[in-house]
Every structure is written in C-alpha cells, then in structure tokens.
C-alpha cells in the first residue's frame, strides 16, 4: 500500500506539470520554478513535513522536495548564523544534490550529442 500512495502522489505532481505544459502557454522553466516555490512555501509554513511523512518519496523526489530542502536549510542556517544563513543555508543543505546533477550532466554531455528541436 505504501508504494501505491507514493506512486499516486508523485504521479499526480508530475501529471499537474504535464497538464500545465499541454494546456497553458506557461513555459516548462516557469513551471519548474513554480514547483520549487511551492516546496519553499510549504516548508516555510511547516506544511511540507506532515505531507512528506505521509507521501514520502512521492513528494520528496519531485522538484517540490528540492524547494523544501532549500527552505529548510535556509531556515536552520538563519537560526544558527543570522541573516547570512539566508544566503548560504539553502545551498549547504542541497549541495550534494546540486553536485550530483552537475557531474551527471557533464558525463551525459560527453556521452550523448545534443540536438535542437525542429
């Protein structure tokens, strides 16, 4: 049952993004930023953690979880370091994921040849 809920919630989030791409003129980049912002807002109002406890990877793996991680890192760094933590905390909390994305993007850029869309 656990896997079913993770699949349904994660699938719903991805379906929302796809519906926005198909039926609106919003670019995929703006949808991406909107999802990150949703994660930040949910974390800022302490709503993300109860959702995450229930949905687990279904909400943590999509980009909404990345936004929540950014906000959680910034909030904890502000408590520890003051205002400077607002600028450094989010990156400290997500540095591993960002580094992995950069490394894998570089490896795949060496393996595959990019093509422009017609």
N, C-alpha and C. Protein backbone atom coordinates (compact mmCIF):
# COMPACT_ATOMS: atom_id res chain seq x y z
N UNK A 1 0.82 -1.20 0.00
CA UNK A 1 0.00 0.00 0.00
C UNK A 1 0.86 1.27 0.00
N UNK A 2 2.02 1.17 0.69
CA UNK A 2 2.96 2.29 0.76
C UNK A 2 3.40 2.72 -0.63
N UNK A 3 3.77 1.77 -1.46
CA UNK A 3 4.25 2.08 -2.81
C UNK A 3 3.14 2.68 -3.68
N UNK A 4 1.92 2.22 -3.45
CA UNK A 4 0.80 2.76 -4.21
C UNK A 4 0.59 4.24 -3.93
N UNK A 5 0.65 4.63 -2.64
CA UNK A 5 0.49 6.05 -2.29
C UNK A 5 1.63 6.89 -2.83
N UNK A 6 2.84 6.38 -2.75
CA UNK A 6 4.00 7.11 -3.29
C UNK A 6 3.82 7.31 -4.79
N UNK A 7 3.41 6.26 -5.48
CA UNK A 7 3.21 6.35 -6.92
C UNK A 7 2.09 7.32 -7.28
N UNK A 8 0.97 7.25 -6.56
CA UNK A 8 -0.17 8.11 -6.87
C UNK A 8 0.13 9.58 -6.61
N UNK A 9 0.77 9.87 -5.50
CA UNK A 9 1.06 11.27 -5.18
C UNK A 9 2.15 11.83 -6.09
N UNK A 10 3.22 11.09 -6.28
CA UNK A 10 4.27 11.54 -7.21
C UNK A 10 3.76 11.65 -8.62
N UNK A 11 2.93 10.71 -9.03
CA UNK A 11 2.34 10.76 -10.37
C UNK A 11 1.41 11.94 -10.54
N UNK A 12 0.67 12.28 -9.48
CA UNK A 12 -0.22 13.42 -9.54
C UNK A 12 0.56 14.72 -9.72
N UNK A 13 1.67 14.85 -9.01
CA UNK A 13 2.51 16.05 -9.14
C UNK A 13 3.05 16.16 -10.56
N UNK A 14 3.53 15.05 -11.09
CA UNK A 14 4.06 15.07 -12.46
C UNK A 14 2.95 15.32 -13.48
N UNK A 15 1.78 14.76 -13.22
CA UNK A 15 0.65 14.98 -14.12
C UNK A 15 0.25 16.46 -14.13
N UNK A 16 0.29 17.09 -12.97
CA UNK A 16 -0.01 18.51 -12.89
C UNK A 16 0.94 19.32 -13.78
N UNK A 17 2.21 19.01 -13.71
CA UNK A 17 3.19 19.70 -14.55
C UNK A 17 2.93 19.46 -16.03
N UNK A 18 2.59 18.22 -16.38
CA UNK A 18 2.32 17.91 -17.78
C UNK A 18 1.07 18.60 -18.28
N UNK A 19 0.04 18.67 -17.46
CA UNK A 19 -1.19 19.35 -17.84
C UNK A 19 -0.91 20.84 -18.06
N UNK A 20 -0.10 21.43 -17.19
CA UNK A 20 0.26 22.84 -17.36
C UNK A 20 1.03 23.06 -18.67
N UNK A 21 1.90 22.14 -19.02
CA UNK A 21 2.67 22.27 -20.26
C UNK A 21 1.74 22.16 -21.48
N UNK A 22 0.82 21.21 -21.43
CA UNK A 22 -0.03 20.95 -22.60
C UNK A 22 -1.11 22.03 -22.78
N UNK A 23 -1.77 22.41 -21.71
CA UNK A 23 -2.97 23.25 -21.83
C UNK A 23 -2.76 24.73 -21.55
N UNK A 24 -1.56 25.15 -21.21
CA UNK A 24 -1.32 26.57 -20.98
C UNK A 24 -0.13 27.02 -21.81
N UNK A 25 0.10 28.30 -21.84
CA UNK A 25 1.26 28.85 -22.53
C UNK A 25 2.45 29.05 -21.59
N UNK A 26 2.36 28.49 -20.40
CA UNK A 26 3.45 28.62 -19.43
C UNK A 26 4.61 27.74 -19.89
N UNK A 27 5.80 28.29 -19.88
CA UNK A 27 6.97 27.51 -20.29
C UNK A 27 7.33 26.50 -19.21
N UNK A 28 8.04 25.46 -19.61
CA UNK A 28 8.42 24.43 -18.65
C UNK A 28 9.36 24.99 -17.58
N UNK A 29 10.17 25.98 -17.92
CA UNK A 29 11.05 26.59 -16.93
C UNK A 29 10.25 27.31 -15.84
N UNK A 30 9.19 27.99 -16.24
CA UNK A 30 8.35 28.68 -15.25
C UNK A 30 7.59 27.69 -14.38
N UNK A 31 7.19 26.58 -14.96
CA UNK A 31 6.52 25.54 -14.17
C UNK A 31 7.51 24.95 -13.16
N UNK A 32 8.73 24.75 -13.57
CA UNK A 32 9.77 24.24 -12.68
C UNK A 32 9.99 25.19 -11.51
N UNK A 33 10.11 26.46 -11.79
CA UNK A 33 10.30 27.46 -10.74
C UNK A 33 9.07 27.52 -9.83
N UNK A 34 7.88 27.38 -10.39
CA UNK A 34 6.65 27.37 -9.60
C UNK A 34 6.64 26.19 -8.64
N UNK A 35 7.05 25.02 -9.10
CA UNK A 35 7.08 23.85 -8.23
C UNK A 35 8.11 24.01 -7.11
N UNK A 36 9.26 24.58 -7.43
CA UNK A 36 10.26 24.84 -6.39
C UNK A 36 9.68 25.81 -5.36
N UNK A 37 9.03 26.85 -5.84
CA UNK A 37 8.42 27.84 -4.95
C UNK A 37 7.33 27.22 -4.08
N UNK A 38 6.55 26.31 -4.63
CA UNK A 38 5.54 25.61 -3.83
C UNK A 38 6.20 24.85 -2.69
N UNK A 39 7.31 24.17 -2.97
CA UNK A 39 8.04 23.46 -1.92
C UNK A 39 8.57 24.41 -0.85
N UNK A 40 9.08 25.56 -1.27
CA UNK A 40 9.60 26.55 -0.32
C UNK A 40 8.47 27.07 0.57
N UNK A 41 7.34 27.41 -0.03
CA UNK A 41 6.21 27.94 0.74
C UNK A 41 5.66 26.89 1.70
N UNK A 42 5.53 25.65 1.24
CA UNK A 42 5.05 24.59 2.12
C UNK A 42 5.98 24.39 3.31
N UNK A 43 7.28 24.45 3.07
CA UNK A 43 8.25 24.29 4.16
C UNK A 43 8.23 25.50 5.09
N UNK A 44 8.08 26.68 4.54
CA UNK A 44 8.07 27.89 5.35
C UNK A 44 6.89 27.91 6.32
N UNK A 45 5.77 27.35 5.93
CA UNK A 45 4.59 27.31 6.80
C UNK A 45 4.45 25.99 7.55
N UNK A 46 5.52 25.18 7.56
CA UNK A 46 5.56 23.89 8.25
C UNK A 46 4.45 22.94 7.80
N UNK A 47 4.12 23.00 6.53
CA UNK A 47 3.11 22.10 5.97
C UNK A 47 3.78 20.93 5.25
N UNK A 48 5.01 21.13 4.78
CA UNK A 48 5.67 20.11 3.97
C UNK A 48 5.98 18.85 4.76
N UNK A 49 6.43 18.98 6.01
CA UNK A 49 6.84 17.80 6.78
C UNK A 49 5.70 16.81 7.02
N UNK A 50 4.48 17.26 7.39
CA UNK A 50 3.39 16.28 7.51
C UNK A 50 3.05 15.61 6.17
N UNK A 51 3.10 16.38 5.09
CA UNK A 51 2.84 15.80 3.77
C UNK A 51 3.93 14.80 3.43
N UNK A 52 5.17 15.15 3.73
CA UNK A 52 6.31 14.29 3.45
C UNK A 52 6.27 13.00 4.27
N UNK A 53 5.78 13.09 5.50
CA UNK A 53 5.66 11.90 6.34
C UNK A 53 4.68 10.91 5.73
N UNK A 54 3.63 11.41 5.12
CA UNK A 54 2.63 10.55 4.50
C UNK A 54 3.06 10.10 3.11
N UNK A 55 3.48 11.04 2.28
CA UNK A 55 3.74 10.75 0.86
C UNK A 55 5.16 10.26 0.60
N UNK A 56 6.08 10.52 1.48
CA UNK A 56 7.49 10.13 1.39
C UNK A 56 8.09 10.48 0.03
N UNK A 57 8.59 9.51 -0.70
CA UNK A 57 9.30 9.78 -1.95
C UNK A 57 8.38 10.39 -3.02
N UNK A 58 7.08 10.19 -2.88
CA UNK A 58 6.15 10.75 -3.85
C UNK A 58 6.18 12.26 -3.90
N UNK A 59 6.56 12.89 -2.80
CA UNK A 59 6.64 14.35 -2.77
C UNK A 59 8.10 14.82 -2.59
N UNK A 60 8.96 13.96 -2.07
CA UNK A 60 10.35 14.35 -1.86
C UNK A 60 11.20 14.27 -3.12
N UNK A 61 10.91 13.34 -3.99
CA UNK A 61 11.72 13.16 -5.19
C UNK A 61 11.45 14.23 -6.25
N UNK A 62 10.18 14.59 -6.52
CA UNK A 62 9.96 15.68 -7.48
C UNK A 62 10.59 16.99 -7.00
N UNK A 63 10.62 17.95 -7.85
CA UNK A 63 11.31 19.22 -7.58
C UNK A 63 10.71 19.97 -6.40
N UNK A 64 9.50 19.64 -6.01
CA UNK A 64 8.90 20.26 -4.83
C UNK A 64 9.74 19.93 -3.59
N UNK A 65 10.23 18.71 -3.51
CA UNK A 65 11.09 18.32 -2.39
C UNK A 65 12.40 19.09 -2.37
N UNK A 66 12.93 19.42 -3.54
CA UNK A 66 14.15 20.22 -3.60
C UNK A 66 13.89 21.62 -3.05
N UNK A 67 12.77 22.20 -3.39
CA UNK A 67 12.42 23.52 -2.86
C UNK A 67 12.27 23.50 -1.36
N UNK A 68 11.66 22.44 -0.85
CA UNK A 68 11.51 22.31 0.61
C UNK A 68 12.87 22.15 1.28
N UNK A 69 13.78 21.42 0.65
CA UNK A 69 15.13 21.26 1.22
C UNK A 69 15.88 22.60 1.23
N UNK A 70 15.72 23.38 0.18
CA UNK A 70 16.33 24.72 0.15
C UNK A 70 15.82 25.57 1.30
N UNK A 71 14.50 25.56 1.49
CA UNK A 71 13.91 26.38 2.55
C UNK A 71 14.31 25.88 3.92
N UNK A 72 14.32 24.57 4.12
CA UNK A 72 14.69 24.01 5.42
C UNK A 72 16.13 24.37 5.77
N UNK A 73 17.03 24.29 4.79
CA UNK A 73 18.42 24.66 5.02
C UNK A 73 18.58 26.14 5.34
N UNK A 74 17.86 26.97 4.62
CA UNK A 74 17.95 28.41 4.86
C UNK A 74 17.38 28.78 6.23
N UNK A 75 16.27 28.17 6.59
CA UNK A 75 15.65 28.47 7.89
C UNK A 75 16.57 28.06 9.03
N UNK A 76 17.14 26.86 8.95
CA UNK A 76 18.02 26.41 10.04
C UNK A 76 19.31 27.23 10.09
N UNK A 77 19.83 27.64 8.93
CA UNK A 77 21.05 28.45 8.92
C UNK A 77 20.80 29.85 9.46
N UNK A 78 19.62 30.40 9.21
CA UNK A 78 19.28 31.71 9.77
C UNK A 78 19.25 31.63 11.29
N UNK A 79 18.70 30.55 11.82
CA UNK A 79 18.66 30.37 13.27
C UNK A 79 20.06 30.23 13.86
N UNK A 80 20.97 29.61 13.11
CA UNK A 80 22.32 29.38 13.62
C UNK A 80 23.27 30.55 13.35
N UNK A 81 23.18 31.14 12.16
CA UNK A 81 24.18 32.13 11.74
C UNK A 81 23.63 33.55 11.57
N UNK A 82 22.34 33.71 11.66
CA UNK A 82 21.76 35.03 11.44
C UNK A 82 21.41 35.24 9.99
N UNK A 83 21.36 36.48 9.58
CA UNK A 83 20.92 36.83 8.23
C UNK A 83 21.79 36.23 7.13
N UNK A 84 23.08 36.07 7.38
CA UNK A 84 23.96 35.46 6.39
C UNK A 84 23.52 34.04 6.05
N UNK A 85 22.92 33.35 7.00
CA UNK A 85 22.44 32.00 6.77
C UNK A 85 21.35 31.91 5.72
N UNK A 86 20.62 33.00 5.52
CA UNK A 86 19.57 33.01 4.50
C UNK A 86 20.16 32.82 3.11
N UNK A 87 21.39 33.26 2.92
CA UNK A 87 22.04 33.16 1.62
C UNK A 87 22.83 31.86 1.45
N UNK A 88 23.32 31.30 2.56
CA UNK A 88 24.18 30.13 2.47
C UNK A 88 23.50 28.83 2.85
N UNK A 89 22.47 28.88 3.67
CA UNK A 89 21.86 27.67 4.21
C UNK A 89 21.24 26.76 3.17
N UNK A 90 20.53 27.34 2.21
CA UNK A 90 19.89 26.53 1.19
C UNK A 90 20.89 25.77 0.35
N UNK A 91 21.98 26.42 0.00
CA UNK A 91 22.99 25.73 -0.80
C UNK A 91 23.73 24.67 0.00
N UNK A 92 23.97 24.94 1.28
CA UNK A 92 24.61 23.93 2.12
C UNK A 92 23.73 22.68 2.24
N UNK A 93 22.43 22.88 2.36
CA UNK A 93 21.52 21.75 2.53
C UNK A 93 21.36 20.92 1.26
N UNK A 94 21.53 21.54 0.11
CA UNK A 94 21.30 20.83 -1.15
C UNK A 94 22.56 20.63 -1.98
N UNK A 95 23.71 20.86 -1.38
CA UNK A 95 24.98 20.80 -2.13
C UNK A 95 25.21 19.43 -2.76
N UNK A 96 24.89 18.38 -2.05
CA UNK A 96 25.09 17.03 -2.60
C UNK A 96 24.28 16.79 -3.86
N UNK A 97 23.01 17.18 -3.83
CA UNK A 97 22.15 17.01 -5.00
C UNK A 97 22.57 17.87 -6.17
N UNK A 98 22.98 19.10 -5.87
CA UNK A 98 23.43 20.00 -6.93
C UNK A 98 24.71 19.47 -7.56
N UNK A 99 25.65 19.02 -6.73
CA UNK A 99 26.91 18.48 -7.25
C UNK A 99 26.66 17.24 -8.10
N UNK A 100 25.78 16.36 -7.65
CA UNK A 100 25.47 15.16 -8.43
C UNK A 100 24.84 15.52 -9.77
N UNK A 101 23.95 16.51 -9.78
CA UNK A 101 23.31 16.92 -11.02
C UNK A 101 24.35 17.47 -12.01
N UNK A 102 25.29 18.26 -11.51
CA UNK A 102 26.33 18.82 -12.37
C UNK A 102 27.23 17.73 -12.92
N UNK A 103 27.65 16.81 -12.07
CA UNK A 103 28.54 15.73 -12.50
C UNK A 103 27.86 14.84 -13.54
N UNK A 104 26.61 14.42 -13.26
CA UNK A 104 25.91 13.56 -14.21
C UNK A 104 25.60 14.29 -15.51
N UNK A 105 25.28 15.58 -15.44
CA UNK A 105 25.04 16.35 -16.66
C UNK A 105 26.30 16.41 -17.51
N UNK A 106 27.45 16.58 -16.85
CA UNK A 106 28.72 16.61 -17.59
C UNK A 106 29.01 15.27 -18.24
N UNK A 107 28.81 14.18 -17.50
CA UNK A 107 29.07 12.83 -18.04
C UNK A 107 28.16 12.57 -19.24
N UNK A 108 26.87 12.89 -19.11
CA UNK A 108 25.94 12.65 -20.21
C UNK A 108 26.21 13.56 -21.40
N UNK A 109 26.74 14.75 -21.15
CA UNK A 109 27.09 15.63 -22.27
C UNK A 109 28.26 15.07 -23.06
N UNK A 110 29.13 14.30 -22.39
CA UNK A 110 30.24 13.67 -23.10
C UNK A 110 29.77 12.44 -23.88
N UNK A 111 28.77 11.74 -23.37
CA UNK A 111 28.30 10.50 -24.00
C UNK A 111 27.37 10.77 -25.16
N UNK A 112 26.41 11.69 -24.98
CA UNK A 112 25.38 11.93 -25.98
C UNK A 112 25.60 13.24 -26.71
N UNK A 113 25.10 13.31 -27.94
CA UNK A 113 25.20 14.51 -28.74
C UNK A 113 23.85 15.23 -28.69
N UNK A 114 23.85 16.49 -28.28
CA UNK A 114 22.59 17.22 -28.18
C UNK A 114 22.11 17.64 -29.57
N UNK A 115 20.80 17.70 -29.70
CA UNK A 115 20.19 18.10 -30.97
C UNK A 115 19.15 19.16 -30.67
N UNK A 116 18.98 20.07 -31.62
CA UNK A 116 17.94 21.08 -31.47
C UNK A 116 16.60 20.52 -31.91
N UNK A 117 15.55 21.02 -31.31
CA UNK A 117 14.21 20.59 -31.66
C UNK A 117 13.78 21.28 -32.94
N UNK A 118 13.11 20.58 -33.82
CA UNK A 118 12.62 21.16 -35.09
C UNK A 118 11.26 21.73 -34.90
